[in-house]
Amino acid sequence: MVKPDDFWPASQTPFVIQPQERIQQLKKYLEDPSCETQKSNLLALIEMYGTKRLPPLASSAPKFYVCEGKVMENPPSDENPPPAGCAIWAEGISTQMHGTELSAATGELHPAKLALQMAIQNVPPRGRLEAVDLCQAYVQTGTIGDSLRAIMVAPWRKEGWNEFSQTLSDIA
């Protein structure tokens, strides 16, 4: 008999990314200017995967968090806030396939919303995410409201204005 609390994943076979493949993905993030605030976390993860201190990344594994290049013992929360100014990297298949890129590649809205949630959690004082990065996360959702928010946080960036124009023309 199935209990209400039982979890039944949609796929019985977990998706797995081998350490060498994950290292290559993380190195690409190092080249991305929007990930500059995550540099210490990315380098630490590359080192941990390279020395096999971390197992292959599996969709069935719980996510974990890295702050200032160190794995956090507990997830960040109001009771367990990260150090001031610390950018947090959530490592896990469900959270870190860089939502904005995944959304753009698949055309799906859900990854963009996850990326936006992560971006909002990493703005000062909890993180070092800059206005340009937050603008990009807002743009990816494709909604009028978020395109206006993108303009509000970074009015000098054309992405917000272009997305606002595009969403308005989609309505007309």
C-alpha atoms as a PDB file:
ATOM      1  CA  MET A   1       0.000   0.000   0.000  1.00  0.00           C
ATOM      2  CA  VAL A   2       1.313   3.436  -0.960  1.00  0.00           C
ATOM      3  CA  LYS A   3       1.526   5.974   1.821  1.00  0.00           C
ATOM      4  CA  PRO A   4       0.738   9.628   1.059  1.00  0.00           C
ATOM      5  CA  ASP A   5       4.323  10.609   1.935  1.00  0.00           C
ATOM      6  CA  ASP A   6       5.942   8.152  -0.494  1.00  0.00           C
ATOM      7  CA  PHE A   7       7.873   9.782  -3.305  1.00  0.00           C
ATOM      8  CA  TRP A   8       7.460   8.315  -6.765  1.00  0.00           C
ATOM      9  CA  PRO A   9       9.865   9.917  -9.239  1.00  0.00           C
ATOM     10  CA  ALA A  10       8.742  10.288 -12.821  1.00  0.00           C
ATOM     11  CA  SER A  11      11.806   8.344 -13.908  1.00  0.00           C
ATOM     12  CA  GLN A  12      13.003   5.283 -12.049  1.00  0.00           C
ATOM     13  CA  THR A  13      16.494   5.653 -13.557  1.00  0.00           C
ATOM     14  CA  PRO A  14      18.381   8.612 -12.103  1.00  0.00           C
ATOM     15  CA  PHE A  15      20.138  10.980 -14.475  1.00  0.00           C
ATOM     16  CA  VAL A  16      23.888  10.925 -13.735  1.00  0.00           C
ATOM     17  CA  ILE A  17      26.658  13.308 -14.749  1.00  0.00           C
ATOM     18  CA  GLN A  18      30.156  11.846 -14.380  1.00  0.00           C
ATOM     19  CA  PRO A  19      32.801  13.983 -12.612  1.00  0.00           C
ATOM     20  CA  GLN A  20      34.839  14.754 -15.753  1.00  0.00           C
ATOM     21  CA  GLU A  21      31.730  15.904 -17.607  1.00  0.00           C
ATOM     22  CA  ARG A  22      30.673  18.048 -14.631  1.00  0.00           C
ATOM     23  CA  ILE A  23      34.157  19.568 -14.446  1.00  0.00           C
ATOM     24  CA  GLN A  24      33.835  20.642 -18.083  1.00  0.00           C
ATOM     25  CA  GLN A  25      30.419  22.192 -17.379  1.00  0.00           C
ATOM     26  CA  LEU A  26      31.775  24.070 -14.362  1.00  0.00           C
ATOM     27  CA  LYS A  27      34.750  25.354 -16.376  1.00  0.00           C
ATOM     28  CA  LYS A  28      32.312  26.841 -18.894  1.00  0.00           C
ATOM     29  CA  TYR A  29      30.643  28.715 -16.037  1.00  0.00           C
ATOM     30  CA  LEU A  30      34.062  30.170 -15.128  1.00  0.00           C
ATOM     31  CA  GLU A  31      34.213  31.734 -18.606  1.00  0.00           C
ATOM     32  CA  ASP A  32      30.756  33.307 -18.169  1.00  0.00           C
ATOM     33  CA  PRO A  33      31.040  36.882 -16.811  1.00  0.00           C
ATOM     34  CA  SER A  34      27.667  36.522 -15.065  1.00  0.00           C
ATOM     35  CA  CYS A  35      29.183  33.776 -12.876  1.00  0.00           C
ATOM     36  CA  GLU A  36      32.127  35.898 -11.682  1.00  0.00           C
ATOM     37  CA  THR A  37      30.722  36.058  -8.143  1.00  0.00           C
ATOM     38  CA  GLN A  38      30.702  32.247  -8.061  1.00  0.00           C
ATOM     39  CA  LYS A  39      34.377  31.834  -9.020  1.00  0.00           C
ATOM     40  CA  SER A  40      35.594  30.533  -5.637  1.00  0.00           C
ATOM     41  CA  ASN A  41      32.680  28.100  -5.460  1.00  0.00           C
ATOM     42  CA  LEU A  42      33.222  26.865  -9.020  1.00  0.00           C
ATOM     43  CA  LEU A  43      36.958  26.364  -8.482  1.00  0.00           C
ATOM     44  CA  ALA A  44      36.287  24.467  -5.250  1.00  0.00           C
ATOM     45  CA  LEU A  45      33.763  22.186  -6.972  1.00  0.00           C
ATOM     46  CA  ILE A  46      36.160  21.534  -9.866  1.00  0.00           C
ATOM     47  CA  GLU A  47      38.845  20.576  -7.359  1.00  0.00           C
ATOM     48  CA  MET A  48      36.469  18.337  -5.365  1.00  0.00           C
ATOM     49  CA  TYR A  49      35.221  16.508  -8.470  1.00  0.00           C
ATOM     50  CA  GLY A  50      38.781  16.243  -9.797  1.00  0.00           C
ATOM     51  CA  THR A  51      40.101  14.621  -6.621  1.00  0.00           C
ATOM     52  CA  LYS A  52      37.006  12.386  -6.381  1.00  0.00           C
ATOM     53  CA  ARG A  53      35.907  13.884  -3.071  1.00  0.00           C
ATOM     54  CA  LEU A  54      32.524  14.270  -4.753  1.00  0.00           C
ATOM     55  CA  PRO A  55      30.719  11.353  -6.427  1.00  0.00           C
ATOM     56  CA  PRO A  56      29.059  11.603  -9.842  1.00  0.00           C
ATOM     57  CA  LEU A  57      26.200  14.097  -9.812  1.00  0.00           C
ATOM     58  CA  ALA A  58      22.901  12.197  -9.827  1.00  0.00           C
ATOM     59  CA  SER A  59      19.339  13.446 -10.051  1.00  0.00           C
ATOM     60  CA  SER A  60      18.484  11.159  -7.147  1.00  0.00           C
ATOM     61  CA  ALA A  61      21.063  12.825  -4.858  1.00  0.00           C
ATOM     62  CA  PRO A  62      20.063  15.738  -2.628  1.00  0.00           C
ATOM     63  CA  LYS A  63      21.430  19.129  -3.589  1.00  0.00           C
ATOM     64  CA  PHE A  64      24.086  20.730  -1.446  1.00  0.00           C
ATOM     65  CA  TYR A  65      25.305  24.283  -1.114  1.00  0.00           C
ATOM     66  CA  VAL A  66      28.754  25.836  -1.490  1.00  0.00           C
ATOM     67  CA  CYS A  67      29.659  29.211   0.024  1.00  0.00           C
ATOM     68  CA  GLU A  68      33.116  30.816  -0.248  1.00  0.00           C
ATOM     69  CA  GLY A  69      34.471  27.575  -1.716  1.00  0.00           C
ATOM     70  CA  LYS A  70      33.285  25.388   1.175  1.00  0.00           C
ATOM     71  CA  VAL A  71      30.383  22.952   1.355  1.00  0.00           C
ATOM     72  CA  MET A  72      27.811  24.255   3.820  1.00  0.00           C
ATOM     73  CA  GLU A  73      26.811  21.804   6.553  1.00  0.00           C
ATOM     74  CA  ASN A  74      23.177  22.931   6.423  1.00  0.00           C
ATOM     75  CA  PRO A  75      21.204  24.563   3.627  1.00  0.00           C
ATOM     76  CA  PRO A  76      20.903  28.328   3.871  1.00  0.00           C
ATOM     77  CA  SER A  77      17.759  29.547   5.586  1.00  0.00           C
ATOM     78  CA  ASP A  78      16.571  32.318   7.864  1.00  0.00           C
ATOM     79  CA  GLU A  79      17.808  30.255  10.819  1.00  0.00           C
ATOM     80  CA  ASN A  80      21.093  29.421   9.052  1.00  0.00           C
ATOM     81  CA  PRO A  81      21.952  32.534   7.013  1.00  0.00           C
ATOM     82  CA  PRO A  82      25.122  32.544   4.913  1.00  0.00           C
ATOM     83  CA  PRO A  83      27.917  34.975   5.749  1.00  0.00           C
ATOM     84  CA  ALA A  84      27.257  38.512   4.543  1.00  0.00           C
ATOM     85  CA  GLY A  85      28.295  38.997   0.932  1.00  0.00           C
ATOM     86  CA  CYS A  86      28.682  35.286   0.262  1.00  0.00           C
ATOM     87  CA  ALA A  87      27.489  34.007  -3.104  1.00  0.00           C
ATOM     88  CA  ILE A  88      25.894  30.589  -2.709  1.00  0.00           C
ATOM     89  CA  TRP A  89      26.089  27.852  -5.330  1.00  0.00           C
ATOM     90  CA  ALA A  90      23.413  25.145  -5.136  1.00  0.00           C
ATOM     91  CA  GLU A  91      24.934  21.987  -6.636  1.00  0.00           C
ATOM     92  CA  GLY A  92      22.422  19.492  -7.894  1.00  0.00           C
ATOM     93  CA  ILE A  93      20.873  18.456 -11.162  1.00  0.00           C
ATOM     94  CA  SER A  94      17.502  19.992 -10.415  1.00  0.00           C
ATOM     95  CA  THR A  95      18.943  23.386  -9.549  1.00  0.00           C
ATOM     96  CA  GLN A  96      22.155  23.966 -11.389  1.00  0.00           C
ATOM     97  CA  MET A  97      21.812  23.303 -15.055  1.00  0.00           C
ATOM     98  CA  HIS A  98      22.005  27.074 -15.268  1.00  0.00           C
ATOM     99  CA  GLY A  99      18.321  27.780 -15.501  1.00  0.00           C
ATOM    100  CA  THR A 100      18.568  30.698 -17.887  1.00  0.00           C
ATOM    101  CA  GLU A 101      20.529  28.607 -20.398  1.00  0.00           C
ATOM    102  CA  LEU A 102      18.283  25.585 -19.941  1.00  0.00           C
ATOM    103  CA  SER A 103      15.199  27.728 -20.417  1.00  0.00           C
ATOM    104  CA  ALA A 104      16.588  29.292 -23.578  1.00  0.00           C
ATOM    105  CA  ALA A 105      17.552  25.876 -24.956  1.00  0.00           C
ATOM    106  CA  THR A 106      14.267  24.129 -24.189  1.00  0.00           C
ATOM    107  CA  GLY A 107      11.802  27.009 -24.415  1.00  0.00           C
ATOM    108  CA  GLU A 108      10.397  25.949 -21.042  1.00  0.00           C
ATOM    109  CA  LEU A 109       9.428  28.510 -18.426  1.00  0.00           C
ATOM    110  CA  HIS A 110      10.107  26.416 -15.285  1.00  0.00           C
ATOM    111  CA  PRO A 111      13.962  26.515 -15.504  1.00  0.00           C
ATOM    112  CA  ALA A 112      13.800  30.284 -15.996  1.00  0.00           C
ATOM    113  CA  LYS A 113      11.679  30.649 -12.853  1.00  0.00           C
ATOM    114  CA  LEU A 114      14.145  28.498 -10.883  1.00  0.00           C
ATOM    115  CA  ALA A 115      17.039  30.583 -12.178  1.00  0.00           C
ATOM    116  CA  LEU A 116      15.190  33.730 -11.169  1.00  0.00           C
ATOM    117  CA  GLN A 117      14.608  32.381  -7.651  1.00  0.00           C
ATOM    118  CA  MET A 118      18.324  31.554  -7.336  1.00  0.00           C
ATOM    119  CA  ALA A 119      19.259  34.996  -8.643  1.00  0.00           C
ATOM    120  CA  ILE A 120      16.959  36.765  -6.178  1.00  0.00           C
ATOM    121  CA  GLN A 121      18.496  34.744  -3.320  1.00  0.00           C
ATOM    122  CA  ASN A 122      21.989  35.870  -4.357  1.00  0.00           C
ATOM    123  CA  VAL A 123      21.502  39.638  -4.455  1.00  0.00           C
ATOM    124  CA  PRO A 124      23.060  41.709  -1.678  1.00  0.00           C
ATOM    125  CA  PRO A 125      23.154  41.394   1.290  1.00  0.00           C
ATOM    126  CA  ARG A 126      22.989  37.575   0.912  1.00  0.00           C
ATOM    127  CA  GLY A 127      25.145  37.377  -2.187  1.00  0.00           C
ATOM    128  CA  ARG A 128      27.122  39.338  -4.714  1.00  0.00           C
ATOM    129  CA  LEU A 129      24.897  39.014  -7.767  1.00  0.00           C
ATOM    130  CA  GLU A 130      24.919  42.220  -9.756  1.00  0.00           C
ATOM    131  CA  ALA A 131      21.999  44.073 -11.301  1.00  0.00           C
ATOM    132  CA  VAL A 132      22.981  42.943 -14.812  1.00  0.00           C
ATOM    133  CA  ASP A 133      22.741  39.284 -13.793  1.00  0.00           C
ATOM    134  CA  LEU A 134      19.392  39.789 -12.092  1.00  0.00           C
ATOM    135  CA  CYS A 135      18.166  41.618 -15.191  1.00  0.00           C
ATOM    136  CA  GLN A 136      19.145  38.616 -17.330  1.00  0.00           C
ATOM    137  CA  ALA A 137      17.289  36.224 -15.027  1.00  0.00           C
ATOM    138  CA  TYR A 138      14.145  38.380 -15.190  1.00  0.00           C
ATOM    139  CA  VAL A 139      14.323  38.565 -18.991  1.00  0.00           C
ATOM    140  CA  GLN A 140      14.368  34.776 -19.362  1.00  0.00           C
ATOM    141  CA  THR A 141      10.892  34.290 -17.895  1.00  0.00           C
ATOM    142  CA  GLY A 142       9.274  36.048 -20.847  1.00  0.00           C
ATOM    143  CA  THR A 143       6.561  37.840 -18.859  1.00  0.00           C
ATOM    144  CA  ILE A 144       5.642  41.505 -19.043  1.00  0.00           C
ATOM    145  CA  GLY A 145       6.007  41.913 -15.288  1.00  0.00           C
ATOM    146  CA  ASP A 146       9.484  40.402 -15.204  1.00  0.00           C
ATOM    147  CA  SER A 147      10.606  42.397 -18.240  1.00  0.00           C
ATOM    148  CA  LEU A 148       9.568  45.545 -16.337  1.00  0.00           C
ATOM    149  CA  ARG A 149      11.500  44.297 -13.308  1.00  0.00           C
ATOM    150  CA  ALA A 150      14.527  43.732 -15.562  1.00  0.00           C
ATOM    151  CA  ILE A 151      14.261  47.357 -16.718  1.00  0.00           C
ATOM    152  CA  MET A 152      13.869  48.520 -13.129  1.00  0.00           C
ATOM    153  CA  VAL A 153      17.035  46.798 -11.843  1.00  0.00           C
ATOM    154  CA  ALA A 154      19.200  47.568 -14.895  1.00  0.00           C
ATOM    155  CA  PRO A 155      17.631  50.281 -17.088  1.00  0.00           C
ATOM    156  CA  TRP A 156      20.873  50.695 -19.060  1.00  0.00           C
ATOM    157  CA  ARG A 157      20.695  47.082 -20.355  1.00  0.00           C
ATOM    158  CA  LYS A 158      18.962  46.599 -23.695  1.00  0.00           C
ATOM    159  CA  GLU A 159      17.848  43.040 -22.850  1.00  0.00           C
ATOM    160  CA  GLY A 160      15.102  44.254 -20.513  1.00  0.00           C
ATOM    161  CA  TRP A 161      13.830  46.799 -23.010  1.00  0.00           C
ATOM    162  CA  ASN A 162      13.937  44.276 -25.870  1.00  0.00           C
ATOM    163  CA  GLU A 163      12.033  41.676 -23.855  1.00  0.00           C
ATOM    164  CA  PHE A 164       9.445  44.258 -22.794  1.00  0.00           C
ATOM    165  CA  SER A 165       8.936  45.237 -26.433  1.00  0.00           C
ATOM    166  CA  GLN A 166       8.707  41.577 -27.460  1.00  0.00           C
ATOM    167  CA  THR A 167       6.164  40.662 -24.776  1.00  0.00           C
ATOM    168  CA  LEU A 168       4.021  43.666 -25.702  1.00  0.00           C
ATOM    169  CA  SER A 169       4.124  42.780 -29.393  1.00  0.00           C
ATOM    170  CA  ASP A 170       3.149  39.182 -28.543  1.00  0.00           C
ATOM    171  CA  ILE A 171      -0.021  40.507 -26.904  1.00  0.00           C
ATOM    172  CA  ALA A 172      -0.958  42.852 -29.763  1.00  0.00           C
END
